[in-house]
Amino acid sequence: QVQLEESGGGLVQAGGSLRLSCAASGRTFRSYTMGWFRQAPGQEREFVAAMNWSGGTWYAESVKGRFTISRDNAKSTVYLQMKSLKPEDTAVYYCTTSFYYRSSLRSQYDYWGQGTQVTVSS
């Protein structure tokens, strides 16, 4: 059973920064792609960023240059550093895993965390 636990969400003013963390267990962490999705009220869950086991990264256009994904395989933890936050970044952020080398499709991610709320005030 794979377990993912996110932390680090909160309330921040526009222009501020937050770092999300996701601790994983129950899977050989270093062998899988780790990703972040987000879901705002009334909207579909959307891809944010991902990093594969080779260190390759890819991002949604809306967060490029502002968000950085990283992982610490020794700690089985993936991070999402968010800078220059905007009110439109407000959402619940979910950590997830995938067997795919490179994907931004929700259907290609299997296990999900419970999510952590990020609220950006204007």
PDB file of N, CA and C in Angstrom:
ATOM      1  N   GLN A   1       0.839  -1.186   0.000  1.00  0.00           N
ATOM      2  CA  GLN A   1       0.000   0.000   0.000  1.00  0.00           C
ATOM      3  C   GLN A   1       0.882   1.247   0.000  1.00  0.00           C
ATOM      4  N   VAL A   2       0.672   2.107  -0.978  1.00  0.00           N
ATOM      5  CA  VAL A   2       1.433   3.347  -1.069  1.00  0.00           C
ATOM      6  C   VAL A   2       0.727   4.425  -0.271  1.00  0.00           C
ATOM      7  N   GLN A   3       1.482   5.158   0.511  1.00  0.00           N
ATOM      8  CA  GLN A   3       0.927   6.287   1.256  1.00  0.00           C
ATOM      9  C   GLN A   3       1.707   7.547   0.921  1.00  0.00           C
ATOM     10  N   LEU A   4       0.967   8.612   0.708  1.00  0.00           N
ATOM     11  CA  LEU A   4       1.555   9.913   0.404  1.00  0.00           C
ATOM     12  C   LEU A   4       0.970  10.928   1.368  1.00  0.00           C
ATOM     13  N   GLU A   5       1.816  11.699   1.992  1.00  0.00           N
ATOM     14  CA  GLU A   5       1.348  12.689   2.952  1.00  0.00           C
ATOM     15  C   GLU A   5       1.954  14.045   2.651  1.00  0.00           C
ATOM     16  N   GLU A   6       1.081  14.971   2.263  1.00  0.00           N
ATOM     17  CA  GLU A   6       1.516  16.322   1.945  1.00  0.00           C
ATOM     18  C   GLU A   6       1.529  17.201   3.195  1.00  0.00           C
ATOM     19  N   SER A   7       2.371  18.216   3.146  1.00  0.00           N
ATOM     20  CA  SER A   7       2.410  19.220   4.207  1.00  0.00           C
ATOM     21  C   SER A   7       2.964  20.509   3.627  1.00  0.00           C
ATOM     22  N   GLY A   8       2.813  21.594   4.376  1.00  0.00           N
ATOM     23  CA  GLY A   8       3.405  22.857   3.972  1.00  0.00           C
ATOM     24  C   GLY A   8       2.445  23.873   3.402  1.00  0.00           C
ATOM     25  N   GLY A   9       1.194  23.495   3.245  1.00  0.00           N
ATOM     26  CA  GLY A   9       0.234  24.453   2.728  1.00  0.00           C
ATOM     27  C   GLY A   9      -0.080  25.526   3.752  1.00  0.00           C
ATOM     28  N   GLY A  10      -0.822  26.550   3.307  1.00  0.00           N
ATOM     29  CA  GLY A  10      -1.194  27.616   4.222  1.00  0.00           C
ATOM     30  C   GLY A  10      -1.693  28.831   3.493  1.00  0.00           C
ATOM     31  N   LEU A  11      -1.786  29.916   4.228  1.00  0.00           N
ATOM     32  CA  LEU A  11      -2.252  31.192   3.696  1.00  0.00           C
ATOM     33  C   LEU A  11      -1.047  32.102   3.488  1.00  0.00           C
ATOM     34  N   VAL A  12      -0.957  32.683   2.300  1.00  0.00           N
ATOM     35  CA  VAL A  12       0.168  33.566   1.981  1.00  0.00           C
ATOM     36  C   VAL A  12      -0.339  34.715   1.122  1.00  0.00           C
ATOM     37  N   GLN A  13       0.307  35.851   1.213  1.00  0.00           N
ATOM     38  CA  GLN A  13      -0.072  36.991   0.380  1.00  0.00           C
ATOM     39  C   GLN A  13       0.491  36.833  -1.025  1.00  0.00           C
ATOM     40  N   ALA A  14      -0.155  37.467  -1.955  1.00  0.00           N
ATOM     41  CA  ALA A  14       0.327  37.450  -3.336  1.00  0.00           C
ATOM     42  C   ALA A  14       1.770  37.941  -3.376  1.00  0.00           C
ATOM     43  N   GLY A  15       2.578  37.246  -4.166  1.00  0.00           N
ATOM     44  CA  GLY A  15       3.994  37.553  -4.238  1.00  0.00           C
ATOM     45  C   GLY A  15       4.845  36.757  -3.277  1.00  0.00           C
ATOM     46  N   GLY A  16       4.207  36.076  -2.362  1.00  0.00           N
ATOM     47  CA  GLY A  16       4.925  35.304  -1.360  1.00  0.00           C
ATOM     48  C   GLY A  16       5.334  33.928  -1.847  1.00  0.00           C
ATOM     49  N   SER A  17       5.892  33.151  -0.918  1.00  0.00           N
ATOM     50  CA  SER A  17       6.413  31.825  -1.254  1.00  0.00           C
ATOM     51  C   SER A  17       5.930  30.789  -0.249  1.00  0.00           C
ATOM     52  N   LEU A  18       5.867  29.556  -0.714  1.00  0.00           N
ATOM     53  CA  LEU A  18       5.586  28.403   0.139  1.00  0.00           C
ATOM     54  C   LEU A  18       6.356  27.219  -0.407  1.00  0.00           C
ATOM     55  N   ARG A  19       6.685  26.285   0.475  1.00  0.00           N
ATOM     56  CA  ARG A  19       7.271  25.033   0.026  1.00  0.00           C
ATOM     57  C   ARG A  19       6.415  23.880   0.534  1.00  0.00           C
ATOM     58  N   LEU A  20       5.919  23.106  -0.407  1.00  0.00           N
ATOM     59  CA  LEU A  20       5.150  21.912  -0.073  1.00  0.00           C
ATOM     60  C   LEU A  20       6.076  20.706  -0.030  1.00  0.00           C
ATOM     61  N   SER A  21       5.739  19.783   0.851  1.00  0.00           N
ATOM     62  CA  SER A  21       6.480  18.529   0.957  1.00  0.00           C
ATOM     63  C   SER A  21       5.514  17.367   0.849  1.00  0.00           C
ATOM     64  N   CYS A  22       6.010  16.257   0.356  1.00  0.00           N
ATOM     65  CA  CYS A  22       5.211  15.036   0.265  1.00  0.00           C
ATOM     66  C   CYS A  22       6.101  13.865   0.634  1.00  0.00           C
ATOM     67  N   ALA A  23       5.771  13.229   1.741  1.00  0.00           N
ATOM     68  CA  ALA A  23       6.513  12.052   2.195  1.00  0.00           C
ATOM     69  C   ALA A  23       5.809  10.800   1.690  1.00  0.00           C
ATOM     70  N   ALA A  24       6.573   9.911   1.068  1.00  0.00           N
ATOM     71  CA  ALA A  24       6.019   8.701   0.476  1.00  0.00           C
ATOM     72  C   ALA A  24       6.504   7.462   1.211  1.00  0.00           C
ATOM     73  N   SER A  25       5.651   6.451   1.239  1.00  0.00           N
ATOM     74  CA  SER A  25       6.029   5.170   1.819  1.00  0.00           C
ATOM     75  C   SER A  25       5.316   4.056   1.083  1.00  0.00           C
ATOM     76  N   GLY A  26       5.867   2.854   1.169  1.00  0.00           N
ATOM     77  CA  GLY A  26       5.225   1.691   0.574  1.00  0.00           C
ATOM     78  C   GLY A  26       5.594   1.427  -0.867  1.00  0.00           C
ATOM     79  N   ARG A  27       6.541   2.166  -1.395  1.00  0.00           N
ATOM     80  CA  ARG A  27       6.954   1.978  -2.782  1.00  0.00           C
ATOM     81  C   ARG A  27       8.430   2.343  -2.864  1.00  0.00           C
ATOM     82  N   THR A  28       9.119   1.748  -3.837  1.00  0.00           N
ATOM     83  CA  THR A  28      10.512   2.104  -4.067  1.00  0.00           C
ATOM     84  C   THR A  28      10.544   3.491  -4.688  1.00  0.00           C
ATOM     85  N   PHE A  29      10.652   4.468  -3.844  1.00  0.00           N
ATOM     86  CA  PHE A  29      10.451   5.867  -4.218  1.00  0.00           C
ATOM     87  C   PHE A  29      11.276   6.268  -5.425  1.00  0.00           C
ATOM     88  N   ARG A  30      12.531   5.856  -5.450  1.00  0.00           N
ATOM     89  CA  ARG A  30      13.436   6.347  -6.491  1.00  0.00           C
ATOM     90  C   ARG A  30      13.085   5.815  -7.881  1.00  0.00           C
ATOM     91  N   SER A  31      12.183   4.849  -7.947  1.00  0.00           N
ATOM     92  CA  SER A  31      11.874   4.211  -9.230  1.00  0.00           C
ATOM     93  C   SER A  31      10.661   4.792  -9.928  1.00  0.00           C
ATOM     94  N   TYR A  32      10.058   5.831  -9.380  1.00  0.00           N
ATOM     95  CA  TYR A  32       8.810   6.346  -9.919  1.00  0.00           C
ATOM     96  C   TYR A  32       8.847   7.844 -10.148  1.00  0.00           C
ATOM     97  N   THR A  33       8.041   8.253 -11.083  1.00  0.00           N
ATOM     98  CA  THR A  33       7.794   9.671 -11.274  1.00  0.00           C
ATOM     99  C   THR A  33       6.923  10.183 -10.141  1.00  0.00           C
ATOM    100  N   MET A  34       7.272  11.350  -9.629  1.00  0.00           N
ATOM    101  CA  MET A  34       6.464  12.004  -8.597  1.00  0.00           C
ATOM    102  C   MET A  34       5.911  13.302  -9.156  1.00  0.00           C
ATOM    103  N   GLY A  35       4.658  13.566  -8.868  1.00  0.00           N
ATOM    104  CA  GLY A  35       4.036  14.748  -9.427  1.00  0.00           C
ATOM    105  C   GLY A  35       3.192  15.510  -8.427  1.00  0.00           C
ATOM    106  N   TRP A  36       2.848  16.717  -8.850  1.00  0.00           N
ATOM    107  CA  TRP A  36       1.923  17.564  -8.098  1.00  0.00           C
ATOM    108  C   TRP A  36       0.802  18.002  -9.037  1.00  0.00           C
ATOM    109  N   PHE A  37      -0.404  17.881  -8.552  1.00  0.00           N
ATOM    110  CA  PHE A  37      -1.588  18.404  -9.218  1.00  0.00           C
ATOM    111  C   PHE A  37      -2.259  19.361  -8.243  1.00  0.00           C
ATOM    112  N   ARG A  38      -3.192  20.141  -8.753  1.00  0.00           N
ATOM    113  CA  ARG A  38      -3.966  21.020  -7.876  1.00  0.00           C
ATOM    114  C   ARG A  38      -5.403  21.100  -8.361  1.00  0.00           C
ATOM    115  N   GLN A  39      -6.280  21.421  -7.421  1.00  0.00           N
ATOM    116  CA  GLN A  39      -7.695  21.534  -7.750  1.00  0.00           C
ATOM    117  C   GLN A  39      -8.301  22.709  -7.006  1.00  0.00           C
ATOM    118  N   ALA A  40      -8.787  23.663  -7.773  1.00  0.00           N
ATOM    119  CA  ALA A  40      -9.476  24.818  -7.215  1.00  0.00           C
ATOM    120  C   ALA A  40     -10.967  24.508  -7.134  1.00  0.00           C
ATOM    121  N   PRO A  41     -11.702  25.200  -6.269  1.00  0.00           N
ATOM    122  CA  PRO A  41     -13.133  24.934  -6.126  1.00  0.00           C
ATOM    123  C   PRO A  41     -13.869  25.044  -7.460  1.00  0.00           C
ATOM    124  N   GLY A  42     -14.634  24.028  -7.774  1.00  0.00           N
ATOM    125  CA  GLY A  42     -15.434  24.035  -8.986  1.00  0.00           C
ATOM    126  C   GLY A  42     -14.667  23.767 -10.262  1.00  0.00           C
ATOM    127  N   GLN A  43     -13.399  23.422 -10.130  1.00  0.00           N
ATOM    128  CA  GLN A  43     -12.572  23.183 -11.312  1.00  0.00           C
ATOM    129  C   GLN A  43     -12.014  21.760 -11.315  1.00  0.00           C
ATOM    130  N   GLU A  44     -11.553  21.348 -12.495  1.00  0.00           N
ATOM    131  CA  GLU A  44     -10.932  20.041 -12.623  1.00  0.00           C
ATOM    132  C   GLU A  44      -9.554  20.038 -11.962  1.00  0.00           C
ATOM    133  N   ARG A  45      -9.140  18.863 -11.544  1.00  0.00           N
ATOM    134  CA  ARG A  45      -7.784  18.725 -11.015  1.00  0.00           C
ATOM    135  C   ARG A  45      -6.815  18.860 -12.184  1.00  0.00           C
ATOM    136  N   GLU A  46      -5.813  19.698 -12.016  1.00  0.00           N
ATOM    137  CA  GLU A  46      -4.900  19.973 -13.107  1.00  0.00           C
ATOM    138  C   GLU A  46      -3.447  19.717 -12.724  1.00  0.00           C
ATOM    139  N   PHE A  47      -2.681  19.371 -13.738  1.00  0.00           N
ATOM    140  CA  PHE A  47      -1.266  19.096 -13.564  1.00  0.00           C
ATOM    141  C   PHE A  47      -0.519  20.383 -13.209  1.00  0.00           C
ATOM    142  N   VAL A  48       0.466  20.248 -12.306  1.00  0.00           N
ATOM    143  CA  VAL A  48       1.303  21.369 -11.921  1.00  0.00           C
ATOM    144  C   VAL A  48       2.766  21.112 -12.303  1.00  0.00           C
ATOM    145  N   ALA A  49       3.316  20.008 -11.803  1.00  0.00           N
ATOM    146  CA  ALA A  49       4.736  19.723 -12.037  1.00  0.00           C
ATOM    147  C   ALA A  49       5.014  18.259 -11.749  1.00  0.00           C
ATOM    148  N   ALA A  50       6.092  17.739 -12.333  1.00  0.00           N
ATOM    149  CA  ALA A  50       6.490  16.366 -12.071  1.00  0.00           C
ATOM    150  C   ALA A  50       7.985  16.207 -12.283  1.00  0.00           C
ATOM    151  N   MET A  51       8.499  15.139 -11.659  1.00  0.00           N
ATOM    152  CA  MET A  51       9.916  14.829 -11.776  1.00  0.00           C
ATOM    153  C   MET A  51      10.070  13.317 -11.847  1.00  0.00           C
ATOM    154  N   ASN A  52      10.804  12.827 -12.847  1.00  0.00           N
ATOM    155  CA  ASN A  52      10.950  11.382 -12.974  1.00  0.00           C
ATOM    156  C   ASN A  52      12.205  10.880 -12.266  1.00  0.00           C
ATOM    157  N   TRP A  53      12.414   9.568 -12.370  1.00  0.00           N
ATOM    158  CA  TRP A  53      13.503   8.966 -11.627  1.00  0.00           C
ATOM    159  C   TRP A  53      14.874   9.326 -12.176  1.00  0.00           C
ATOM    160  N   SER A  54      14.893   9.908 -13.378  1.00  0.00           N
ATOM    161  CA  SER A  54      16.166  10.351 -13.948  1.00  0.00           C
ATOM    162  C   SER A  54      16.470  11.808 -13.623  1.00  0.00           C
ATOM    163  N   GLY A  55      15.541  12.454 -12.953  1.00  0.00           N
ATOM    164  CA  GLY A  55      15.723  13.859 -12.627  1.00  0.00           C
ATOM    165  C   GLY A  55      15.111  14.822 -13.616  1.00  0.00           C
ATOM    166  N   GLY A  56      14.479  14.300 -14.652  1.00  0.00           N
ATOM    167  CA  GLY A  56      13.799  15.157 -15.602  1.00  0.00           C
ATOM    168  C   GLY A  56      12.588  15.820 -14.969  1.00  0.00           C
ATOM    169  N   THR A  57      12.347  17.072 -15.330  1.00  0.00           N
ATOM    170  CA  THR A  57      11.214  17.802 -14.770  1.00  0.00           C
ATOM    171  C   THR A  57      10.390  18.434 -15.882  1.00  0.00           C
ATOM    172  N   TRP A  58       9.118  18.634 -15.611  1.00  0.00           N
ATOM    173  CA  TRP A  58       8.244  19.346 -16.530  1.00  0.00           C
ATOM    174  C   TRP A  58       7.149  20.023 -15.719  1.00  0.00           C
ATOM    175  N   TYR A  59       6.656  21.132 -16.285  1.00  0.00           N
ATOM    176  CA  TYR A  59       5.760  22.008 -15.554  1.00  0.00           C
ATOM    177  C   TYR A  59       4.590  22.453 -16.421  1.00  0.00           C
ATOM    178  N   ALA A  60       3.494  22.795 -15.771  1.00  0.00           N
ATOM    179  CA  ALA A  60       2.412  23.471 -16.453  1.00  0.00           C
ATOM    180  C   ALA A  60       2.887  24.864 -16.844  1.00  0.00           C
ATOM    181  N   GLU A  61       2.391  25.347 -17.966  1.00  0.00           N
ATOM    182  CA  GLU A  61       2.812  26.670 -18.431  1.00  0.00           C
ATOM    183  C   GLU A  61       2.526  27.756 -17.394  1.00  0.00           C
ATOM    184  N   SER A  62       1.445  27.593 -16.668  1.00  0.00           N
ATOM    185  CA  SER A  62       1.021  28.623 -15.716  1.00  0.00           C
ATOM    186  C   SER A  62       1.965  28.777 -14.534  1.00  0.00           C
ATOM    187  N   VAL A  63       2.840  27.794 -14.296  1.00  0.00           N
ATOM    188  CA  VAL A  63       3.731  27.875 -13.137  1.00  0.00           C
ATOM    189  C   VAL A  63       5.202  27.906 -13.523  1.00  0.00           C
ATOM    190  N   LYS A  64       5.496  27.771 -14.793  1.00  0.00           N
ATOM    191  CA  LYS A  64       6.901  27.780 -15.226  1.00  0.00           C
ATOM    192  C   LYS A  64       7.595  29.059 -14.784  1.00  0.00           C
ATOM    193  N   GLY A  65       8.796  28.890 -14.273  1.00  0.00           N
ATOM    194  CA  GLY A  65       9.570  30.036 -13.809  1.00  0.00           C
ATOM    195  C   GLY A  65       9.235  30.472 -12.398  1.00  0.00           C
ATOM    196  N   ARG A  66       8.164  29.944 -11.833  1.00  0.00           N
ATOM    197  CA  ARG A  66       7.767  30.313 -10.469  1.00  0.00           C
ATOM    198  C   ARG A  66       7.846  29.128  -9.508  1.00  0.00           C
ATOM    199  N   PHE A  67       7.539  27.942 -10.000  1.00  0.00           N
ATOM    200  CA  PHE A  67       7.533  26.739  -9.171  1.00  0.00           C
ATOM    201  C   PHE A  67       8.717  25.856  -9.549  1.00  0.00           C
ATOM    202  N   THR A  68       9.247  25.159  -8.540  1.00  0.00           N
ATOM    203  CA  THR A  68      10.342  24.220  -8.767  1.00  0.00           C
ATOM    204  C   THR A  68      10.062  22.928  -8.008  1.00  0.00           C
ATOM    205  N   ILE A  69      10.093  21.827  -8.723  1.00  0.00           N
ATOM    206  CA  ILE A  69       9.917  20.525  -8.090  1.00  0.00           C
ATOM    207  C   ILE A  69      11.288  19.895  -7.859  1.00  0.00           C
ATOM    208  N   SER A  70      11.418  19.207  -6.739  1.00  0.00           N
ATOM    209  CA  SER A  70      12.659  18.504  -6.437  1.00  0.00           C
ATOM    210  C   SER A  70      12.319  17.274  -5.596  1.00  0.00           C
ATOM    211  N   ARG A  71      13.293  16.384  -5.472  1.00  0.00           N
ATOM    212  CA  ARG A  71      13.043  15.179  -4.688  1.00  0.00           C
ATOM    213  C   ARG A  71      14.307  14.773  -3.953  1.00  0.00           C
ATOM    214  N   ASP A  72      14.099  14.164  -2.797  1.00  0.00           N
ATOM    215  CA  ASP A  72      15.189  13.615  -1.999  1.00  0.00           C
ATOM    216  C   ASP A  72      14.895  12.129  -1.866  1.00  0.00           C
ATOM    217  N   ASN A  73      15.573  11.323  -2.667  1.00  0.00           N
ATOM    218  CA  ASN A  73      15.281   9.891  -2.667  1.00  0.00           C
ATOM    219  C   ASN A  73      15.640   9.240  -1.331  1.00  0.00           C
ATOM    220  N   ALA A  74      16.643   9.756  -0.654  1.00  0.00           N
ATOM    221  CA  ALA A  74      17.032   9.185   0.637  1.00  0.00           C
ATOM    222  C   ALA A  74      15.927   9.373   1.679  1.00  0.00           C
ATOM    223  N   LYS A  75      15.160  10.446   1.533  1.00  0.00           N
ATOM    224  CA  LYS A  75      14.068  10.732   2.468  1.00  0.00           C
ATOM    225  C   LYS A  75      12.704  10.354   1.899  1.00  0.00           C
ATOM    226  N   SER A  76      12.687   9.830   0.669  1.00  0.00           N
ATOM    227  CA  SER A  76      11.419   9.478   0.008  1.00  0.00           C
ATOM    228  C   SER A  76      10.451  10.655   0.042  1.00  0.00           C
ATOM    229  N   THR A  77      10.968  11.807  -0.280  1.00  0.00           N
ATOM    230  CA  THR A  77      10.177  13.032  -0.193  1.00  0.00           C
ATOM    231  C   THR A  77      10.334  13.844  -1.477  1.00  0.00           C
ATOM    232  N   VAL A  78       9.229  14.392  -1.906  1.00  0.00           N
ATOM    233  CA  VAL A  78       9.234  15.295  -3.049  1.00  0.00           C
ATOM    234  C   VAL A  78       8.765  16.662  -2.561  1.00  0.00           C
ATOM    235  N   TYR A  79       9.314  17.703  -3.154  1.00  0.00           N
ATOM    236  CA  TYR A  79       9.021  19.068  -2.736  1.00  0.00           C
ATOM    237  C   TYR A  79       8.486  19.877  -3.907  1.00  0.00           C
ATOM    238  N   LEU A  80       7.738  20.898  -3.571  1.00  0.00           N
ATOM    239  CA  LEU A  80       7.316  21.871  -4.570  1.00  0.00           C
ATOM    240  C   LEU A  80       7.558  23.254  -3.973  1.00  0.00           C
ATOM    241  N   GLN A  81       8.590  23.923  -4.475  1.00  0.00           N
ATOM    242  CA  GLN A  81       8.884  25.287  -4.043  1.00  0.00           C
ATOM    243  C   GLN A  81       8.088  26.235  -4.926  1.00  0.00           C
ATOM    244  N   MET A  82       7.265  27.060  -4.300  1.00  0.00           N
ATOM    245  CA  MET A  82       6.392  27.972  -5.028  1.00  0.00           C
ATOM    246  C   MET A  82       6.769  29.403  -4.673  1.00  0.00           C
ATOM    247  N   LYS A  83       7.064  30.191  -5.696  1.00  0.00           N
ATOM    248  CA  LYS A  83       7.432  31.589  -5.504  1.00  0.00           C
ATOM    249  C   LYS A  83       6.514  32.475  -6.330  1.00  0.00           C
ATOM    250  N   SER A  84       6.531  33.748  -6.023  1.00  0.00           N
ATOM    251  CA  SER A  84       5.703  34.726  -6.756  1.00  0.00           C
ATOM    252  C   SER A  84       4.272  34.233  -6.875  1.00  0.00           C
ATOM    253  N   LEU A  85       3.738  33.798  -5.770  1.00  0.00           N
ATOM    254  CA  LEU A  85       2.402  33.218  -5.774  1.00  0.00           C
ATOM    255  C   LEU A  85       1.347  34.239  -6.148  1.00  0.00           C
ATOM    256  N   LYS A  86       0.326  33.749  -6.847  1.00  0.00           N
ATOM    257  CA  LYS A  86      -0.766  34.579  -7.317  1.00  0.00           C
ATOM    258  C   LYS A  86      -2.074  34.061  -6.729  1.00  0.00           C
ATOM    259  N   PRO A  87      -3.083  34.902  -6.639  1.00  0.00           N
ATOM    260  CA  PRO A  87      -4.384  34.418  -6.135  1.00  0.00           C
ATOM    261  C   PRO A  87      -4.911  33.223  -6.929  1.00  0.00           C
ATOM    262  N   GLU A  88      -4.617  33.161  -8.221  1.00  0.00           N
ATOM    263  CA  GLU A  88      -5.089  32.041  -9.035  1.00  0.00           C
ATOM    264  C   GLU A  88      -4.364  30.732  -8.745  1.00  0.00           C
ATOM    265  N   ASP A  89      -3.330  30.784  -7.914  1.00  0.00           N
ATOM    266  CA  ASP A  89      -2.676  29.553  -7.466  1.00  0.00           C
ATOM    267  C   ASP A  89      -3.417  28.904  -6.299  1.00  0.00           C
ATOM    268  N   THR A  90      -4.426  29.579  -5.785  1.00  0.00           N
ATOM    269  CA  THR A  90      -5.201  29.037  -4.676  1.00  0.00           C
ATOM    270  C   THR A  90      -5.885  27.734  -5.089  1.00  0.00           C
ATOM    271  N   ALA A  91      -5.619  26.686  -4.322  1.00  0.00           N
ATOM    272  CA  ALA A  91      -6.157  25.365  -4.640  1.00  0.00           C
ATOM    273  C   ALA A  91      -5.711  24.375  -3.562  1.00  0.00           C
ATOM    274  N   VAL A  92      -6.290  23.192  -3.635  1.00  0.00           N
ATOM    275  CA  VAL A  92      -5.761  22.066  -2.865  1.00  0.00           C
ATOM    276  C   VAL A  92      -4.690  21.401  -3.742  1.00  0.00           C
ATOM    277  N   TYR A  93      -3.530  21.199  -3.190  1.00  0.00           N
ATOM    278  CA  TYR A  93      -2.407  20.618  -3.929  1.00  0.00           C
ATOM    279  C   TYR A  93      -2.233  19.159  -3.511  1.00  0.00           C
ATOM    280  N   TYR A  94      -2.144  18.295  -4.533  1.00  0.00           N
ATOM    281  CA  TYR A  94      -2.051  16.863  -4.307  1.00  0.00           C
ATOM    282  C   TYR A  94      -0.720  16.321  -4.824  1.00  0.00           C
ATOM    283  N   CYS A  95      -0.152  15.438  -4.048  1.00  0.00           N
ATOM    284  CA  CYS A  95       1.038  14.703  -4.441  1.00  0.00           C
ATOM    285  C   CYS A  95       0.581  13.370  -5.044  1.00  0.00           C
ATOM    286  N   THR A  96       1.322  12.898  -6.052  1.00  0.00           N
ATOM    287  CA  THR A  96       0.906  11.682  -6.727  1.00  0.00           C
ATOM    288  C   THR A  96       2.095  10.964  -7.349  1.00  0.00           C
ATOM    289  N   THR A  97       1.895   9.695  -7.715  1.00  0.00           N
ATOM    290  CA  THR A  97       2.967   8.893  -8.306  1.00  0.00           C
ATOM    291  C   THR A  97       2.539   8.326  -9.657  1.00  0.00           C
ATOM    292  N   SER A  98       3.542   7.995 -10.453  1.00  0.00           N
ATOM    293  CA  SER A  98       3.255   7.438 -11.773  1.00  0.00           C
ATOM    294  C   SER A  98       4.353   6.481 -12.192  1.00  0.00           C
ATOM    295  N   PHE A  99       3.943   5.473 -12.992  1.00  0.00           N
ATOM    296  CA  PHE A  99       4.910   4.581 -13.617  1.00  0.00           C
ATOM    297  C   PHE A  99       5.509   5.194 -14.879  1.00  0.00           C
ATOM    298  N   TYR A 100       4.876   6.239 -15.400  1.00  0.00           N
ATOM    299  CA  TYR A 100       5.296   6.804 -16.672  1.00  0.00           C
ATOM    300  C   TYR A 100       6.534   7.678 -16.515  1.00  0.00           C
ATOM    301  N   TYR A 101       7.374   7.626 -17.505  1.00  0.00           N
ATOM    302  CA  TYR A 101       8.620   8.383 -17.492  1.00  0.00           C
ATOM    303  C   TYR A 101       8.361   9.880 -17.606  1.00  0.00           C
ATOM    304  N   ARG A 102       7.312  10.212 -18.376  1.00  0.00           N
ATOM    305  CA  ARG A 102       6.966  11.618 -18.543  1.00  0.00           C
ATOM    306  C   ARG A 102       5.485  11.702 -18.853  1.00  0.00           C
ATOM    307  N   SER A 103       4.721  12.301 -17.969  1.00  0.00           N
ATOM    308  CA  SER A 103       3.283  12.434 -18.174  1.00  0.00           C
ATOM    309  C   SER A 103       2.747  13.608 -17.379  1.00  0.00           C
ATOM    310  N   SER A 104       1.735  14.240 -17.940  1.00  0.00           N
ATOM    311  CA  SER A 104       0.978  15.264 -17.238  1.00  0.00           C
ATOM    312  C   SER A 104      -0.498  14.913 -17.205  1.00  0.00           C
ATOM    313  N   LEU A 105      -0.811  13.668 -17.564  1.00  0.00           N
ATOM    314  CA  LEU A 105      -2.197  13.219 -17.591  1.00  0.00           C
ATOM    315  C   LEU A 105      -2.605  12.641 -16.244  1.00  0.00           C
ATOM    316  N   ARG A 106      -3.685  13.132 -15.718  1.00  0.00           N
ATOM    317  CA  ARG A 106      -4.169  12.652 -14.426  1.00  0.00           C
ATOM    318  C   ARG A 106      -4.380  11.147 -14.443  1.00  0.00           C
ATOM    319  N   SER A 107      -4.872  10.603 -15.540  1.00  0.00           N
ATOM    320  CA  SER A 107      -5.186   9.172 -15.640  1.00  0.00           C
ATOM    321  C   SER A 107      -3.954   8.290 -15.562  1.00  0.00           C
ATOM    322  N   GLN A 108      -2.770   8.875 -15.753  1.00  0.00           N
ATOM    323  CA  GLN A 108      -1.533   8.093 -15.732  1.00  0.00           C
ATOM    324  C   GLN A 108      -0.817   8.191 -14.394  1.00  0.00           C
ATOM    325  N   TYR A 109      -1.475   8.745 -13.414  1.00  0.00           N
ATOM    326  CA  TYR A 109      -0.968   8.784 -12.051  1.00  0.00           C
ATOM    327  C   TYR A 109      -1.874   7.899 -11.209  1.00  0.00           C
ATOM    328  N   ASP A 110      -1.265   7.135 -10.291  1.00  0.00           N
ATOM    329  CA  ASP A 110      -2.069   6.148  -9.595  1.00  0.00           C
ATOM    330  C   ASP A 110      -2.381   6.513  -8.143  1.00  0.00           C
ATOM    331  N   TYR A 111      -1.413   6.598  -7.291  1.00  0.00           N
ATOM    332  CA  TYR A 111      -1.698   6.894  -5.894  1.00  0.00           C
ATOM    333  C   TYR A 111      -1.680   8.396  -5.631  1.00  0.00           C
ATOM    334  N   TRP A 112      -2.557   8.809  -4.700  1.00  0.00           N
ATOM    335  CA  TRP A 112      -2.724  10.233  -4.398  1.00  0.00           C
ATOM    336  C   TRP A 112      -2.716  10.461  -2.902  1.00  0.00           C
ATOM    337  N   GLY A 113      -2.176  11.628  -2.509  1.00  0.00           N
ATOM    338  CA  GLY A 113      -2.285  12.036  -1.125  1.00  0.00           C
ATOM    339  C   GLY A 113      -3.627  12.683  -0.856  1.00  0.00           C
ATOM    340  N   GLN A 114      -3.825  13.118   0.373  1.00  0.00           N
ATOM    341  CA  GLN A 114      -5.079  13.744   0.773  1.00  0.00           C
ATOM    342  C   GLN A 114      -5.158  15.203   0.370  1.00  0.00           C
ATOM    343  N   GLY A 115      -4.036  15.793   0.072  1.00  0.00           N
ATOM    344  CA  GLY A 115      -4.011  17.173  -0.366  1.00  0.00           C
ATOM    345  C   GLY A 115      -3.694  18.149   0.750  1.00  0.00           C
ATOM    346  N   THR A 116      -3.167  19.295   0.358  1.00  0.00           N
ATOM    347  CA  THR A 116      -2.884  20.377   1.297  1.00  0.00           C
ATOM    348  C   THR A 116      -3.358  21.682   0.674  1.00  0.00           C
ATOM    349  N   GLN A 117      -4.049  22.478   1.469  1.00  0.00           N
ATOM    350  CA  GLN A 117      -4.655  23.716   0.972  1.00  0.00           C
ATOM    351  C   GLN A 117      -3.618  24.826   0.880  1.00  0.00           C
ATOM    352  N   VAL A 118      -3.606  25.483  -0.261  1.00  0.00           N
ATOM    353  CA  VAL A 118      -2.804  26.688  -0.462  1.00  0.00           C
ATOM    354  C   VAL A 118      -3.759  27.814  -0.806  1.00  0.00           C
ATOM    355  N   THR A 119      -3.710  28.880  -0.029  1.00  0.00           N
ATOM    356  CA  THR A 119      -4.560  30.031  -0.265  1.00  0.00           C
ATOM    357  C   THR A 119      -3.688  31.269  -0.412  1.00  0.00           C
ATOM    358  N   VAL A 120      -3.856  31.953  -1.545  1.00  0.00           N
ATOM    359  CA  VAL A 120      -3.071  33.156  -1.831  1.00  0.00           C
ATOM    360  C   VAL A 120      -4.019  34.343  -1.828  1.00  0.00           C
ATOM    361  N   SER A 121      -3.786  35.265  -0.918  1.00  0.00           N
ATOM    362  CA  SER A 121      -4.650  36.439  -0.812  1.00  0.00           C
ATOM    363  C   SER A 121      -4.090  37.589  -1.641  1.00  0.00           C
ATOM    364  N   SER A 122      -5.005  38.390  -2.165  1.00  0.00           N
ATOM    365  CA  SER A 122      -4.583  39.512  -3.025  1.00  0.00           C
ATOM    366  C   SER A 122      -4.328  40.765  -2.211  1.00  0.00           C
TER     367      SER A 122
END
